Amino acid sequence: MKDAILTVQNKKALLVDVLIHSKGKSRDNTNSLDELSLLAETAGAIVVGRASQNREKPGNAWYVGKGKAEELAGLARETGAEFVIFDNDLSPAQIRNLEEAVGVSVIDRAELILAIFGTHARTTQAKLQLELAQLEYNLPRLKHLWGHLSRLAGGVRAMRGPGEKQLEVDRRLAFNRITTLKRELKKIQARREKEVATRSEDFTVALVGYTNAGKSTLMNCLTGLDQMVENKLFSTLDTKTHIWEFASGQKVLLSDTVGFIRNLPHNLVESFHATLEEVRQADLLLHIVDVSSQDAESQINAVNTVLDEIDCGNKDIIIVLNKIDRADRIEVEILRRKFPEAVVISALKALGIEELEERLEKIISARQMVLTVKVPMENGRLLAYLHQHGIILDKTATDSYYKIRLRIGRRDLFKAKELGLTVKKTATKAPRHKELRRDRVSE
């Protein structure tokens, strides 16, 4: 079977992008090929050439037209390409036909992304998730892999050929392994859900965004970490959670997650549900956008598409326009007008962090209630809890108790009641802030 973690490292690759358009409309291929080039280089390939084509619809045989397939064969010979990488999802038959026409191996966008994930998977969970995605990707391609052996047995009474027998064996093995992997990942997800549930007393924030938007750099900036940051796609596969303490003393739990990308293989999204549990359970999402990218608007929509796939489309989200130190001022201003409630920052230069913290504090305060309570002086655990999890607005002492006016979240209030708090007066919850609206850009 063709190895799903395709080894492309140090091998020459020819990039191809086919843009399918309708009603005579087209768009520039350059941005798509630039991203494909970064994907290929992240996988370790050496890009030696590019080609593109605009079509009304994909060709059934080669996805491209026959003339373009012949042109690609010539380009592969001229450049010495060992692979042709398509920025499209190809069927098994199209891959087979292209390999025969071009004379070198052909892979599509989904297989390239799987190859990249394969090089970055470190933990047991990430490896299991990746293996599941690879098996589901390769399952419909098994027939192509053994088709050359299917006619070896002849005669009217002949049994099925060796290829058909091997296909049946491989399918059974693949289905059995998929079942096992899904069972193991379901257990991991159940454990992850319990882990996330234990943090219910804390306000949780998850960083989401297009891959290479600067999420890990922002994580370092906000938490004081010094984890390695690479200028590569999908450098973070496993969720990391740390405490983010504001200048005011307010604390939240901040999680860095795997980056998204347009046309992310669906089976990969499904496989990584356990990893994305932090996103699903977060109180708020910070959608990090690389404003220095020419494709910033389409990247925003690509992230929103993935969020919809994991049932997070209606979560509270703040758009954070990052990398302003590298962006054109005019482009930044255009995005600010389209997203007037966005926060503008540079994670690398620590610019705009104060404004980001202020915005978060307003949102957290809006979800809290103002209480006036009496706490017995001997209840030290309750006093410590209120100081740690609430914001003390006023505090006076009598002979036997403290009279405290404070702001506290509903979940923290529930825990405080377990410690003996008696609530005398509460304020109504503030309305949802308008900046938590999720915007989409029309393409």
Protein backbone atom coordinates (compact mmCIF):
# COMPACT_ATOMS: atom_id res chain seq x y z
CA MET A 1 0.00 0.00 0.00
CA LYS A 2 1.15 3.52 -0.75
CA ASP A 3 2.46 5.05 2.47
CA ALA A 4 0.12 7.80 3.62
CA ILE A 5 2.99 9.69 5.25
CA LEU A 6 4.48 10.32 1.86
CA THR A 7 8.20 11.04 2.01
CA VAL A 8 8.78 14.19 0.00
CA GLN A 9 11.75 15.50 1.95
CA ASN A 10 14.62 16.70 -0.24
CA LYS A 11 12.73 15.73 -3.39
CA LYS A 12 11.95 18.06 -6.29
CA ALA A 13 8.31 19.03 -6.67
CA LEU A 14 6.28 20.70 -9.42
CA LEU A 15 3.27 22.61 -8.07
CA VAL A 16 -0.05 22.76 -9.90
CA ASP A 17 -3.17 24.78 -9.06
CA VAL A 18 -6.43 24.38 -10.97
CA LEU A 19 -8.98 27.09 -10.26
CA ILE A 20 -12.56 26.11 -11.01
CA HIS A 21 -14.74 29.12 -11.74
CA SER A 22 -18.21 29.76 -13.05
CA LYS A 23 -19.96 32.41 -15.14
CA GLY A 24 -16.66 33.46 -16.66
CA LYS A 25 -15.28 34.70 -13.35
CA SER A 26 -11.74 33.88 -12.33
CA ARG A 27 -9.23 34.83 -9.66
CA ASP A 28 -5.50 35.04 -9.33
CA ASN A 29 -3.65 31.74 -8.88
CA THR A 30 -0.66 33.39 -7.20
CA ASN A 31 -1.88 33.29 -3.58
CA SER A 32 -2.97 29.65 -3.87
CA LEU A 33 0.39 28.64 -5.31
CA ASP A 34 2.25 30.65 -2.66
CA GLU A 35 0.41 28.75 0.08
CA LEU A 36 0.95 25.42 -1.68
CA SER A 37 4.65 26.27 -1.96
CA LEU A 38 4.82 26.91 1.80
CA LEU A 39 3.02 23.63 2.44
CA ALA A 40 5.46 21.76 0.18
CA GLU A 41 8.49 23.38 1.79
CA THR A 42 7.12 22.61 5.26
CA ALA A 43 6.93 18.95 4.20
CA GLY A 44 10.58 19.18 3.12
CA ALA A 45 10.09 19.27 -0.66
CA ILE A 46 12.20 21.38 -3.03
CA VAL A 47 9.91 23.42 -5.27
CA VAL A 48 11.31 23.52 -8.82
CA GLY A 49 8.35 24.83 -10.81
CA ARG A 50 4.76 26.04 -10.89
CA ALA A 51 1.84 25.68 -13.25
CA SER A 52 -1.80 26.72 -13.15
CA GLN A 53 -4.99 26.43 -15.15
CA ASN A 54 -8.46 27.96 -15.01
CA ARG A 55 -11.36 25.70 -15.91
CA GLU A 56 -15.14 25.81 -15.85
CA LYS A 57 -15.16 22.33 -14.28
CA PRO A 58 -12.61 19.61 -13.46
CA GLY A 59 -11.65 17.18 -16.20
CA ASN A 60 -12.88 13.65 -15.52
CA ALA A 61 -9.68 11.89 -16.58
CA TRP A 62 -6.80 14.12 -15.45
CA TYR A 63 -8.62 16.95 -13.56
CA VAL A 64 -6.71 19.25 -15.96
CA GLY A 65 -7.19 19.10 -19.71
CA LYS A 66 -5.30 16.64 -21.91
CA GLY A 67 -3.08 19.39 -23.29
CA LYS A 68 -2.22 20.58 -19.80
CA ALA A 69 -1.34 17.03 -18.75
CA GLU A 70 1.10 16.81 -21.67
CA GLU A 71 2.52 20.22 -20.71
CA LEU A 72 3.07 19.01 -17.12
CA ALA A 73 4.96 15.97 -18.46
CA GLY A 74 7.30 18.33 -20.32
CA LEU A 75 7.77 20.57 -17.27
CA ALA A 76 8.55 17.55 -15.10
CA ARG A 77 11.26 16.45 -17.52
CA GLU A 78 12.73 19.96 -17.82
CA THR A 79 12.84 20.61 -14.05
CA GLY A 80 13.73 17.08 -12.97
CA ALA A 81 10.64 17.00 -10.74
CA GLU A 82 10.12 13.78 -8.80
CA PHE A 83 6.61 14.72 -7.69
CA VAL A 84 3.71 16.76 -9.00
CA ILE A 85 1.68 18.29 -6.17
CA PHE A 86 -1.86 19.50 -6.93
CA ASP A 87 -3.55 22.15 -4.81
CA ASN A 88 -6.80 20.26 -5.38
CA ASP A 89 -8.45 17.08 -4.14
CA LEU A 90 -8.01 14.38 -6.77
CA SER A 91 -9.84 11.07 -7.16
CA PRO A 92 -7.84 7.82 -7.21
CA ALA A 93 -8.53 7.45 -10.94
CA GLN A 94 -7.32 10.99 -11.68
CA ILE A 95 -4.11 10.36 -9.74
CA ARG A 96 -3.51 7.12 -11.65
CA ASN A 97 -4.15 8.79 -15.01
CA LEU A 98 -1.93 11.76 -14.18
CA GLU A 99 0.94 9.53 -13.07
CA GLU A 100 0.73 7.64 -16.37
CA ALA A 101 0.58 10.89 -18.37
CA VAL A 102 3.24 12.86 -16.49
CA GLY A 103 5.59 9.99 -15.67
CA VAL A 104 6.19 10.86 -11.99
CA SER A 105 4.31 10.44 -8.70
CA VAL A 106 1.30 12.71 -8.16
CA ILE A 107 -0.17 13.74 -4.82
CA ASP A 108 -3.02 16.06 -3.96
CA ARG A 109 -3.48 18.74 -1.31
CA ALA A 110 -5.04 16.39 1.24
CA GLU A 111 -2.17 13.90 1.05
CA LEU A 112 0.39 16.70 1.36
CA ILE A 113 -1.30 18.01 4.52
CA LEU A 114 -1.34 14.49 5.95
CA ALA A 115 2.39 14.24 5.19
CA ILE A 116 3.04 17.46 7.12
CA PHE A 117 0.98 16.30 10.08
CA GLY A 118 2.98 13.07 9.98
CA THR A 119 6.26 14.94 10.47
CA HIS A 120 4.87 16.97 13.41
CA ALA A 121 2.95 14.28 15.34
CA ARG A 122 4.83 13.72 18.60
CA THR A 123 2.35 12.55 21.25
CA THR A 124 0.49 9.25 21.26
CA GLN A 125 -2.81 11.08 20.77
CA ALA A 126 -1.58 13.02 17.74
CA LYS A 127 -0.16 9.85 16.17
CA LEU A 128 -3.43 7.96 16.66
CA GLN A 129 -5.44 10.82 15.21
CA LEU A 130 -3.14 11.03 12.23
CA GLU A 131 -3.22 7.28 11.57
CA LEU A 132 -7.02 7.36 11.55
CA ALA A 133 -7.08 10.22 9.05
CA GLN A 134 -4.56 8.42 6.84
CA LEU A 135 -6.55 5.18 6.82
CA GLU A 136 -9.78 6.97 5.97
CA TYR A 137 -7.99 8.85 3.19
CA ASN A 138 -6.48 5.69 1.70
CA LEU A 139 -9.51 3.41 2.03
CA PRO A 140 -11.20 4.48 -1.26
CA ARG A 141 -7.80 4.22 -3.01
CA LEU A 142 -7.25 0.53 -2.25
CA LYS A 143 -8.92 -0.61 -5.47
CA HIS A 144 -6.45 1.41 -7.53
CA LEU A 145 -3.49 0.00 -5.60
CA TRP A 146 -4.30 -3.65 -6.38
CA GLY A 147 -6.12 -3.31 -9.70
CA HIS A 148 -3.10 -4.46 -11.72
CA LEU A 149 -3.45 -7.96 -10.22
CA SER A 150 -7.20 -8.40 -10.66
CA ARG A 151 -7.10 -10.17 -14.06
CA LEU A 152 -4.37 -12.73 -13.36
CA ALA A 153 -6.85 -15.61 -12.83
CA GLY A 154 -8.78 -16.64 -15.97
CA GLY A 155 -11.41 -19.12 -17.05
CA VAL A 156 -15.14 -19.33 -16.54
CA ARG A 157 -14.84 -21.20 -13.25
CA ALA A 158 -11.87 -19.21 -12.03
CA MET A 159 -11.91 -17.74 -8.55
CA ARG A 160 -11.25 -14.06 -8.03
CA GLY A 161 -7.80 -12.85 -9.02
CA PRO A 162 -4.96 -12.18 -6.55
CA GLY A 163 -5.65 -8.45 -6.70
CA GLU A 164 -9.27 -8.86 -5.68
CA LYS A 165 -8.28 -11.20 -2.86
CA GLN A 166 -5.61 -8.79 -1.61
CA LEU A 167 -8.07 -5.89 -1.88
CA GLU A 168 -10.54 -7.76 0.31
CA VAL A 169 -7.85 -8.55 2.89
CA ASP A 170 -6.59 -4.96 2.95
CA ARG A 171 -10.08 -3.55 3.30
CA ARG A 172 -10.86 -5.85 6.21
CA LEU A 173 -7.59 -4.95 7.94
CA ALA A 174 -8.19 -1.23 7.35
CA PHE A 175 -11.77 -1.35 8.68
CA ASN A 176 -10.64 -3.28 11.78
CA ARG A 177 -7.86 -0.79 12.48
CA ILE A 178 -10.20 2.18 11.96
CA THR A 179 -12.63 0.68 14.47
CA THR A 180 -9.82 0.19 17.00
CA LEU A 181 -8.48 3.72 16.53
CA LYS A 182 -11.91 5.31 16.90
CA ARG A 183 -12.43 3.36 20.12
CA GLU A 184 -9.09 4.50 21.54
CA LEU A 185 -9.64 8.11 20.50
CA LYS A 186 -13.12 8.08 22.00
CA LYS A 187 -11.55 7.12 25.34
CA ILE A 188 -8.98 9.90 24.96
CA GLN A 189 -11.72 12.42 24.17
CA ALA A 190 -13.70 11.31 27.23
CA ARG A 191 -10.61 11.85 29.40
CA ARG A 192 -10.00 15.23 27.76
CA GLU A 193 -13.60 16.28 28.41
CA LYS A 194 -13.17 15.43 32.08
CA GLU A 195 -9.90 17.38 32.22
CA VAL A 196 -11.55 20.41 30.64
CA ALA A 197 -14.54 20.09 32.98
CA THR A 198 -12.25 20.35 36.01
CA ARG A 199 -11.37 23.87 34.86
CA SER A 200 -15.00 25.00 34.92
CA GLU A 201 -14.27 27.42 37.75
CA ASP A 202 -11.89 29.39 35.53
CA PHE A 203 -12.66 31.61 32.56
CA THR A 204 -11.15 29.82 29.57
CA VAL A 205 -9.90 31.36 26.32
CA ALA A 206 -8.74 29.43 23.24
CA LEU A 207 -6.54 30.77 20.46
CA VAL A 208 -7.78 29.81 17.00
CA GLY A 209 -6.70 30.96 13.59
CA TYR A 210 -5.17 30.13 10.26
CA THR A 211 -1.96 28.18 10.50
CA ASN A 212 1.11 30.39 10.94
CA ALA A 213 -1.02 33.35 12.07
CA GLY A 214 1.15 33.79 15.18
CA LYS A 215 -0.86 31.93 17.84
CA SER A 216 2.16 30.34 19.53
CA THR A 217 4.02 33.66 19.54
CA LEU A 218 1.01 35.30 21.18
CA MET A 219 0.81 32.43 23.69
CA ASN A 220 4.43 33.11 24.68
CA CYS A 221 3.77 36.84 24.91
CA LEU A 222 0.68 36.51 27.14
CA THR A 223 1.86 33.73 29.45
CA GLY A 224 5.60 34.38 29.67
CA LEU A 225 6.41 31.00 28.16
CA ASP A 226 9.44 30.40 25.99
CA GLN A 227 8.21 27.54 23.84
CA MET A 228 9.75 27.11 20.40
CA VAL A 229 8.06 29.03 17.59
CA GLU A 230 8.68 27.93 14.01
CA ASN A 231 7.85 29.71 10.79
CA LYS A 232 6.17 26.55 9.52
CA LEU A 233 2.61 25.45 8.94
CA PHE A 234 1.03 23.20 11.61
CA SER A 235 3.98 23.53 14.00
CA THR A 236 1.47 23.05 16.86
CA LEU A 237 -0.59 19.82 16.82
CA ASP A 238 -1.22 19.30 20.54
CA THR A 239 -3.20 21.76 22.63
CA LYS A 240 -1.23 23.60 25.32
CA THR A 241 -2.95 25.38 28.24
CA HIS A 242 -1.37 27.91 30.62
CA ILE A 243 -2.40 30.74 32.94
CA TRP A 244 -2.66 34.22 31.44
CA GLU A 245 -2.45 36.88 34.16
CA PHE A 246 -3.47 40.41 33.19
CA ALA A 247 -1.68 43.50 34.44
CA SER A 248 -4.71 44.07 36.72
CA GLY A 249 -4.28 40.66 38.36
CA GLN A 250 -7.22 39.01 36.56
CA LYS A 251 -6.37 35.43 35.53
CA VAL A 252 -7.75 33.23 32.77
CA LEU A 253 -6.73 29.88 31.26
CA LEU A 254 -5.36 30.27 27.74
CA SER A 255 -5.09 27.39 25.25
CA ASP A 256 -3.10 27.27 22.02
CA THR A 257 -4.53 24.91 19.39
CA VAL A 258 -3.74 23.43 16.00
CA GLY A 259 -3.88 25.92 13.15
CA PHE A 260 -6.60 25.74 10.50
CA ILE A 261 -6.25 26.01 6.75
CA ARG A 262 -8.61 26.23 3.77
CA ASN A 263 -9.82 22.91 2.43
CA LEU A 264 -8.55 21.09 5.51
CA PRO A 265 -9.33 17.40 4.89
CA HIS A 266 -12.63 16.58 6.59
CA ASN A 267 -11.38 13.28 7.97
CA LEU A 268 -8.48 15.14 9.58
CA VAL A 269 -10.91 17.53 11.33
CA GLU A 270 -12.96 14.54 12.50
CA SER A 271 -9.86 12.73 13.77
CA PHE A 272 -8.67 15.76 15.76
CA HIS A 273 -11.90 16.25 17.72
CA ALA A 274 -10.17 15.25 20.97
CA THR A 275 -7.46 17.86 20.43
CA LEU A 276 -10.06 20.51 19.58
CA GLU A 277 -12.03 19.84 22.78
CA GLU A 278 -10.37 22.91 24.32
CA VAL A 279 -11.92 25.03 21.56
CA ARG A 280 -15.33 23.44 21.98
CA GLN A 281 -15.40 24.04 25.74
CA ALA A 282 -13.78 27.50 25.86
CA ASP A 283 -15.76 30.48 27.15
CA LEU A 284 -14.28 32.72 24.47
CA LEU A 285 -12.25 32.32 21.29
CA LEU A 286 -9.55 34.72 20.14
CA HIS A 287 -9.44 34.45 16.35
CA ILE A 288 -5.88 35.40 15.42
CA VAL A 289 -5.47 36.86 11.92
CA ASP A 290 -2.19 37.51 10.10
CA VAL A 291 -2.80 40.99 8.69
CA SER A 292 0.45 40.83 6.73
CA SER A 293 -1.03 38.09 4.55
CA GLN A 294 -2.57 39.13 1.24
CA ASP A 295 -5.18 36.42 1.80
CA ALA A 296 -6.25 37.57 5.28
CA GLU A 297 -9.95 37.85 4.47
CA SER A 298 -10.25 34.42 2.87
CA GLN A 299 -8.27 32.96 5.78
CA ILE A 300 -10.84 34.40 8.19
CA ASN A 301 -13.60 32.63 6.29
CA ALA A 302 -11.60 29.39 6.16
CA VAL A 303 -11.25 29.42 9.95
CA ASN A 304 -14.98 30.13 10.34
CA THR A 305 -15.73 27.14 8.11
CA VAL A 306 -13.71 24.79 10.34
CA LEU A 307 -15.32 26.27 13.47
CA ASP A 308 -18.70 25.43 11.96
CA GLU A 309 -17.52 21.85 11.35
CA ILE A 310 -16.66 21.37 15.03
CA ASP A 311 -19.91 23.04 16.21
CA CYS A 312 -18.22 26.21 17.44
CA GLY A 313 -19.72 28.62 14.92
CA ASN A 314 -21.90 30.37 17.50
CA LYS A 315 -19.25 30.83 20.17
CA ASP A 316 -18.22 34.24 21.42
CA ILE A 317 -15.27 35.34 19.30
CA ILE A 318 -12.97 38.35 19.23
CA ILE A 319 -10.95 38.90 16.07
CA VAL A 320 -7.33 39.81 16.82
CA LEU A 321 -5.42 41.38 13.92
CA ASN A 322 -1.83 40.27 14.48
CA LYS A 323 1.56 41.12 12.89
CA ILE A 324 0.86 44.82 12.41
CA ASP A 325 4.63 45.36 12.61
CA ARG A 326 4.96 43.50 9.29
CA ALA A 327 1.80 44.67 7.55
CA ASP A 328 1.04 47.47 5.14
CA ARG A 329 -0.79 50.27 6.95
CA ILE A 330 -3.40 50.60 4.24
CA GLU A 331 -4.20 46.87 4.40
CA VAL A 332 -4.50 47.06 8.19
CA GLU A 333 -6.87 50.02 7.93
CA ILE A 334 -9.05 48.17 5.38
CA LEU A 335 -9.38 45.21 7.75
CA ARG A 336 -10.08 47.48 10.71
CA ARG A 337 -12.97 49.06 8.82
CA LYS A 338 -14.37 45.64 7.94
CA PHE A 339 -13.94 44.43 11.53
CA PRO A 340 -14.39 47.59 13.64
CA GLU A 341 -14.50 45.64 16.93
CA ALA A 342 -11.23 43.80 16.25
CA VAL A 343 -8.17 44.30 18.45
CA VAL A 344 -4.95 45.22 16.62
CA ILE A 345 -1.70 43.80 18.01
CA SER A 346 1.81 42.60 17.32
CA ALA A 347 2.49 39.48 19.41
CA LEU A 348 6.18 39.60 18.47
CA LYS A 349 6.60 43.24 19.59
CA ALA A 350 4.03 43.02 22.45
CA LEU A 351 2.02 45.88 20.94
CA GLY A 352 -1.68 46.26 21.72
CA ILE A 353 -1.65 43.71 24.55
CA GLU A 354 -3.03 46.23 27.06
CA GLU A 355 -6.05 46.89 24.85
CA LEU A 356 -6.60 43.15 24.42
CA GLU A 357 -6.57 42.62 28.19
CA GLU A 358 -8.98 45.52 28.71
CA ARG A 359 -11.39 44.04 26.17
CA LEU A 360 -11.25 40.66 27.92
CA GLU A 361 -11.79 42.23 31.33
CA LYS A 362 -14.94 43.99 30.09
CA ILE A 363 -16.30 40.70 28.77
CA ILE A 364 -15.47 38.82 31.98
CA SER A 365 -17.04 41.59 34.07
CA ALA A 366 -20.18 41.43 31.94
CA ARG A 367 -20.52 37.74 32.85
CA GLN A 368 -20.09 38.40 36.55
CA MET A 369 -22.55 39.49 39.20
CA VAL A 370 -22.20 42.09 41.93
CA LEU A 371 -22.92 40.65 45.38
CA THR A 372 -23.08 41.93 48.91
CA VAL A 373 -22.29 39.10 51.33
CA LYS A 374 -21.47 38.46 54.97
CA VAL A 375 -18.60 36.07 55.59
CA PRO A 376 -17.83 34.76 59.12
CA MET A 377 -14.28 35.65 60.10
CA GLU A 378 -13.52 32.04 61.05
CA ASN A 379 -14.30 30.83 57.51
CA GLY A 380 -10.80 31.41 56.16
CA ARG A 381 -11.24 29.06 53.17
CA LEU A 382 -14.22 31.06 51.91
CA LEU A 383 -12.44 34.38 52.40
CA ALA A 384 -9.40 33.14 50.48
CA TYR A 385 -11.60 31.77 47.69
CA LEU A 386 -13.48 35.05 47.26
CA HIS A 387 -10.22 37.02 47.09
CA GLN A 388 -8.78 34.61 44.55
CA HIS A 389 -11.80 34.19 42.27
CA GLY A 390 -13.70 37.45 42.73
CA ILE A 391 -12.98 41.15 42.50
CA ILE A 392 -13.42 42.80 45.90
CA LEU A 393 -15.20 46.17 45.49
CA ASP A 394 -15.66 47.00 49.18
CA LYS A 395 -14.91 45.26 52.47
CA THR A 396 -15.77 46.25 56.04
CA ALA A 397 -15.26 44.30 59.26
CA THR A 398 -17.49 43.83 62.33
CA ASP A 399 -16.85 41.80 65.46
CA SER A 400 -17.79 38.46 63.90
CA TYR A 401 -17.96 38.79 60.11
CA TYR A 402 -16.81 40.69 57.04
CA LYS A 403 -19.33 42.56 54.91
CA ILE A 404 -18.04 42.25 51.36
CA ARG A 405 -19.23 43.73 48.10
CA LEU A 406 -17.65 41.93 45.18
CA ARG A 407 -17.93 40.95 41.54
CA ILE A 408 -17.86 37.21 40.84
CA GLY A 409 -18.72 34.79 38.05
CA ARG A 410 -21.67 32.42 38.28
CA ARG A 411 -19.53 29.28 38.29
CA ASP A 412 -17.27 30.69 41.01
CA LEU A 413 -20.38 31.65 42.98
CA PHE A 414 -21.59 28.05 42.89
CA LYS A 415 -18.29 26.86 44.40
CA ALA A 416 -18.37 29.64 47.00
CA LYS A 417 -21.81 28.47 48.12
CA GLU A 418 -20.36 25.00 48.69
CA LEU A 419 -17.82 26.67 51.01
CA GLY A 420 -20.62 28.26 53.06
CA LEU A 421 -21.41 31.52 51.25
CA THR A 422 -24.92 32.91 51.78
CA VAL A 423 -26.01 35.34 49.05
CA LYS A 424 -28.09 38.32 50.17
CA LYS A 425 -28.21 40.42 47.02
CA THR A 426 -27.30 39.93 43.36
CA ALA A 427 -27.19 42.10 40.31
CA THR A 428 -28.52 41.08 36.92
CA LYS A 429 -26.13 39.78 34.31
CA ALA A 430 -24.94 42.36 31.80
CA PRO A 431 -25.98 41.92 28.14
CA ARG A 432 -23.67 40.30 25.63
CA HIS A 433 -21.12 42.67 24.13
CA LYS A 434 -21.56 43.57 20.49
CA GLU A 435 -17.87 42.89 19.77
CA LEU A 436 -18.55 39.18 20.24
CA ARG A 437 -20.37 39.09 16.94
CA ARG A 438 -18.68 36.76 14.44
CA ASP A 439 -18.11 38.44 11.11
CA ARG A 440 -17.73 36.78 7.75
CA VAL A 441 -16.26 38.35 4.67
CA SER A 442 -18.08 37.91 1.39
CA GLU A 443 -15.87 36.23 -1.17
